């Protein structure tokens, strides 16, 4: 897990343009999965929702560390709200990757300090 977090931080730091275009970014781990996987995991108890949710939480945490000067892209909200938002977004955008979905959440969560545009 620490190795994965390290590579995510390196990816974010070294390739800020990847955040600008999440569709062109080399995504490690579960973030490359489409939203259909996220939605499916909610309805099938045999799938491990924690993998995708942990990836989304880790990405937001890395974003806090690397990008946001105040260190709180969630603005005091808990990750349950982010998971709920992702549920709805994925239902409406089934082919979007988990990474692009989390980036969109980060854009809409703080319109005053959004991530770089696509």
C-alpha atoms as a PDB file:
ATOM      1  CA  UNK A   1       0.000   0.000   0.000  1.00  0.00           C
ATOM      2  CA  UNK A   2       2.834   2.416   0.818  1.00  0.00           C
ATOM      3  CA  UNK A   3       4.484   1.666  -2.517  1.00  0.00           C
ATOM      4  CA  UNK A   4       1.211   2.396  -4.337  1.00  0.00           C
ATOM      5  CA  UNK A   5       0.819   5.694  -2.479  1.00  0.00           C
ATOM      6  CA  UNK A   6       4.403   6.607  -3.326  1.00  0.00           C
ATOM      7  CA  UNK A   7       3.853   5.986  -7.037  1.00  0.00           C
ATOM      8  CA  UNK A   8       0.624   7.986  -6.928  1.00  0.00           C
ATOM      9  CA  UNK A   9       2.454  10.931  -5.353  1.00  0.00           C
ATOM     10  CA  UNK A  10       5.248  10.673  -7.911  1.00  0.00           C
ATOM     11  CA  UNK A  11       2.691  10.570 -10.708  1.00  0.00           C
ATOM     12  CA  UNK A  12       0.863  13.610  -9.339  1.00  0.00           C
ATOM     13  CA  UNK A  13       4.029  15.585  -8.736  1.00  0.00           C
ATOM     14  CA  UNK A  14       5.900  14.757 -11.911  1.00  0.00           C
ATOM     15  CA  UNK A  15       2.937  14.927 -14.270  1.00  0.00           C
ATOM     16  CA  UNK A  16       0.661  17.756 -13.265  1.00  0.00           C
ATOM     17  CA  UNK A  17      -0.612  17.731 -16.842  1.00  0.00           C
ATOM     18  CA  UNK A  18      -2.003  14.260 -16.162  1.00  0.00           C
ATOM     19  CA  UNK A  19      -4.386  15.846 -13.661  1.00  0.00           C
ATOM     20  CA  UNK A  20      -5.376  18.346 -16.280  1.00  0.00           C
ATOM     21  CA  UNK A  21      -6.332  15.493 -18.587  1.00  0.00           C
ATOM     22  CA  UNK A  22      -7.287  12.449 -16.491  1.00  0.00           C
ATOM     23  CA  UNK A  23      -8.266  10.615 -19.675  1.00  0.00           C
ATOM     24  CA  UNK A  24      -4.575  10.762 -20.742  1.00  0.00           C
ATOM     25  CA  UNK A  25      -3.032   9.970 -17.353  1.00  0.00           C
ATOM     26  CA  UNK A  26      -1.342   6.685 -16.595  1.00  0.00           C
ATOM     27  CA  UNK A  27      -3.532   5.521 -13.739  1.00  0.00           C
ATOM     28  CA  UNK A  28      -2.274   2.984 -11.239  1.00  0.00           C
ATOM     29  CA  UNK A  29      -4.543   0.513  -9.509  1.00  0.00           C
ATOM     30  CA  UNK A  30      -8.283   0.703  -9.127  1.00  0.00           C
ATOM     31  CA  UNK A  31      -8.591   4.245 -10.471  1.00  0.00           C
ATOM     32  CA  UNK A  32      -8.424   2.873 -14.012  1.00  0.00           C
ATOM     33  CA  UNK A  33     -11.669   0.941 -13.494  1.00  0.00           C
ATOM     34  CA  UNK A  34     -14.806   2.298 -15.172  1.00  0.00           C
ATOM     35  CA  UNK A  35     -17.769   3.506 -13.164  1.00  0.00           C
ATOM     36  CA  UNK A  36     -19.654   0.373 -14.150  1.00  0.00           C
ATOM     37  CA  UNK A  37     -17.325  -1.524 -11.799  1.00  0.00           C
ATOM     38  CA  UNK A  38     -18.098   0.939  -8.976  1.00  0.00           C
ATOM     39  CA  UNK A  39     -21.844   0.592  -9.521  1.00  0.00           C
ATOM     40  CA  UNK A  40     -21.637  -3.194  -9.831  1.00  0.00           C
ATOM     41  CA  UNK A  41     -19.709  -3.540  -6.570  1.00  0.00           C
ATOM     42  CA  UNK A  42     -22.565  -1.817  -4.752  1.00  0.00           C
ATOM     43  CA  UNK A  43     -25.012  -4.511  -5.824  1.00  0.00           C
ATOM     44  CA  UNK A  44     -22.793  -7.586  -5.559  1.00  0.00           C
ATOM     45  CA  UNK A  45     -21.675  -8.478  -2.047  1.00  0.00           C
ATOM     46  CA  UNK A  46     -18.927 -10.749  -3.397  1.00  0.00           C
ATOM     47  CA  UNK A  47     -17.011  -7.750  -4.758  1.00  0.00           C
ATOM     48  CA  UNK A  48     -14.825  -5.744  -2.424  1.00  0.00           C
ATOM     49  CA  UNK A  49     -16.086  -2.149  -2.433  1.00  0.00           C
ATOM     50  CA  UNK A  50     -13.290  -1.167  -0.099  1.00  0.00           C
ATOM     51  CA  UNK A  51     -10.695  -1.459  -2.887  1.00  0.00           C
ATOM     52  CA  UNK A  52     -12.337   1.175  -5.078  1.00  0.00           C
ATOM     53  CA  UNK A  53     -13.393   3.349  -2.158  1.00  0.00           C
ATOM     54  CA  UNK A  54      -9.915   3.162  -0.627  1.00  0.00           C
ATOM     55  CA  UNK A  55      -8.406   4.198  -3.950  1.00  0.00           C
ATOM     56  CA  UNK A  56     -10.750   7.206  -4.158  1.00  0.00           C
ATOM     57  CA  UNK A  57      -9.958   8.210  -0.569  1.00  0.00           C
ATOM     58  CA  UNK A  58      -6.232   7.760  -1.169  1.00  0.00           C
ATOM     59  CA  UNK A  59      -6.333   9.851  -4.327  1.00  0.00           C
ATOM     60  CA  UNK A  60      -8.125  12.677  -2.500  1.00  0.00           C
ATOM     61  CA  UNK A  61      -5.592  12.408   0.338  1.00  0.00           C
ATOM     62  CA  UNK A  62      -2.667  12.558  -2.097  1.00  0.00           C
ATOM     63  CA  UNK A  63      -4.309  15.545  -3.752  1.00  0.00           C
ATOM     64  CA  UNK A  64      -4.427  17.254  -0.341  1.00  0.00           C
ATOM     65  CA  UNK A  65      -0.754  16.541   0.161  1.00  0.00           C
ATOM     66  CA  UNK A  66       0.518  17.556  -3.256  1.00  0.00           C
ATOM     67  CA  UNK A  67      -1.859  20.188  -4.618  1.00  0.00           C
ATOM     68  CA  UNK A  68      -3.903  21.914  -1.917  1.00  0.00           C
ATOM     69  CA  UNK A  69      -1.931  24.358   0.222  1.00  0.00           C
ATOM     70  CA  UNK A  70      -4.429  24.146   3.085  1.00  0.00           C
ATOM     71  CA  UNK A  71      -4.326  20.334   2.970  1.00  0.00           C
ATOM     72  CA  UNK A  72      -8.094  19.846   2.975  1.00  0.00           C
ATOM     73  CA  UNK A  73      -9.736  19.476  -0.407  1.00  0.00           C
ATOM     74  CA  UNK A  74     -12.749  18.042   1.445  1.00  0.00           C
ATOM     75  CA  UNK A  75     -13.204  21.255   3.461  1.00  0.00           C
ATOM     76  CA  UNK A  76     -13.912  19.341   6.650  1.00  0.00           C
ATOM     77  CA  UNK A  77     -16.404  16.927   5.066  1.00  0.00           C
ATOM     78  CA  UNK A  78     -15.969  13.228   5.642  1.00  0.00           C
ATOM     79  CA  UNK A  79     -15.291  10.765   2.861  1.00  0.00           C
ATOM     80  CA  UNK A  80     -18.806   9.317   3.143  1.00  0.00           C
ATOM     81  CA  UNK A  81     -20.107  12.347   1.275  1.00  0.00           C
ATOM     82  CA  UNK A  82     -17.542  11.810  -1.456  1.00  0.00           C
ATOM     83  CA  UNK A  83     -18.547   8.134  -1.766  1.00  0.00           C
ATOM     84  CA  UNK A  84     -22.231   9.131  -1.993  1.00  0.00           C
ATOM     85  CA  UNK A  85     -21.402  11.697  -4.710  1.00  0.00           C
ATOM     86  CA  UNK A  86     -19.386   9.108  -6.650  1.00  0.00           C
ATOM     87  CA  UNK A  87     -22.316   6.674  -6.449  1.00  0.00           C
ATOM     88  CA  UNK A  88     -24.573   9.169  -8.212  1.00  0.00           C
ATOM     89  CA  UNK A  89     -21.957  10.317 -10.711  1.00  0.00           C
ATOM     90  CA  UNK A  90     -21.062   6.769 -11.693  1.00  0.00           C
ATOM     91  CA  UNK A  91     -24.731   5.881 -12.178  1.00  0.00           C
ATOM     92  CA  UNK A  92     -25.025   8.784 -14.627  1.00  0.00           C
ATOM     93  CA  UNK A  93     -21.584   8.308 -16.295  1.00  0.00           C
ATOM     94  CA  UNK A  94     -20.925   4.556 -16.458  1.00  0.00           C
ATOM     95  CA  UNK A  95     -17.937   4.672 -18.814  1.00  0.00           C
ATOM     96  CA  UNK A  96     -15.993   7.328 -16.890  1.00  0.00           C
ATOM     97  CA  UNK A  97     -12.975   6.031 -14.968  1.00  0.00           C
ATOM     98  CA  UNK A  98     -12.835   6.200 -11.188  1.00  0.00           C
ATOM     99  CA  UNK A  99      -9.908   8.633 -11.426  1.00  0.00           C
ATOM    100  CA  UNK A 100     -11.771  11.020 -13.736  1.00  0.00           C
ATOM    101  CA  UNK A 101     -14.794  10.757 -11.445  1.00  0.00           C
ATOM    102  CA  UNK A 102     -12.791  11.664  -8.345  1.00  0.00           C
ATOM    103  CA  UNK A 103     -11.169  14.569 -10.221  1.00  0.00           C
ATOM    104  CA  UNK A 104     -14.650  15.785 -11.169  1.00  0.00           C
ATOM    105  CA  UNK A 105     -15.724  15.501  -7.536  1.00  0.00           C
ATOM    106  CA  UNK A 106     -12.713  17.579  -6.495  1.00  0.00           C
ATOM    107  CA  UNK A 107     -13.602  20.206  -9.116  1.00  0.00           C
ATOM    108  CA  UNK A 108     -17.191  20.483  -7.951  1.00  0.00           C
ATOM    109  CA  UNK A 109     -16.360  20.268  -4.235  1.00  0.00           C
ATOM    110  CA  UNK A 110     -14.329  23.471  -4.312  1.00  0.00           C
ATOM    111  CA  UNK A 111     -15.250  25.761  -7.209  1.00  0.00           C
ATOM    112  CA  UNK A 112     -12.911  28.472  -5.852  1.00  0.00           C
ATOM    113  CA  UNK A 113      -9.834  26.210  -6.084  1.00  0.00           C
ATOM    114  CA  UNK A 114     -10.546  23.573  -8.746  1.00  0.00           C
ATOM    115  CA  UNK A 115      -7.965  21.169 -10.122  1.00  0.00           C
ATOM    116  CA  UNK A 116      -6.592  22.079 -13.571  1.00  0.00           C
ATOM    117  CA  UNK A 117      -9.191  21.922 -16.335  1.00  0.00           C
ATOM    118  CA  UNK A 118      -9.278  19.187 -18.954  1.00  0.00           C
END
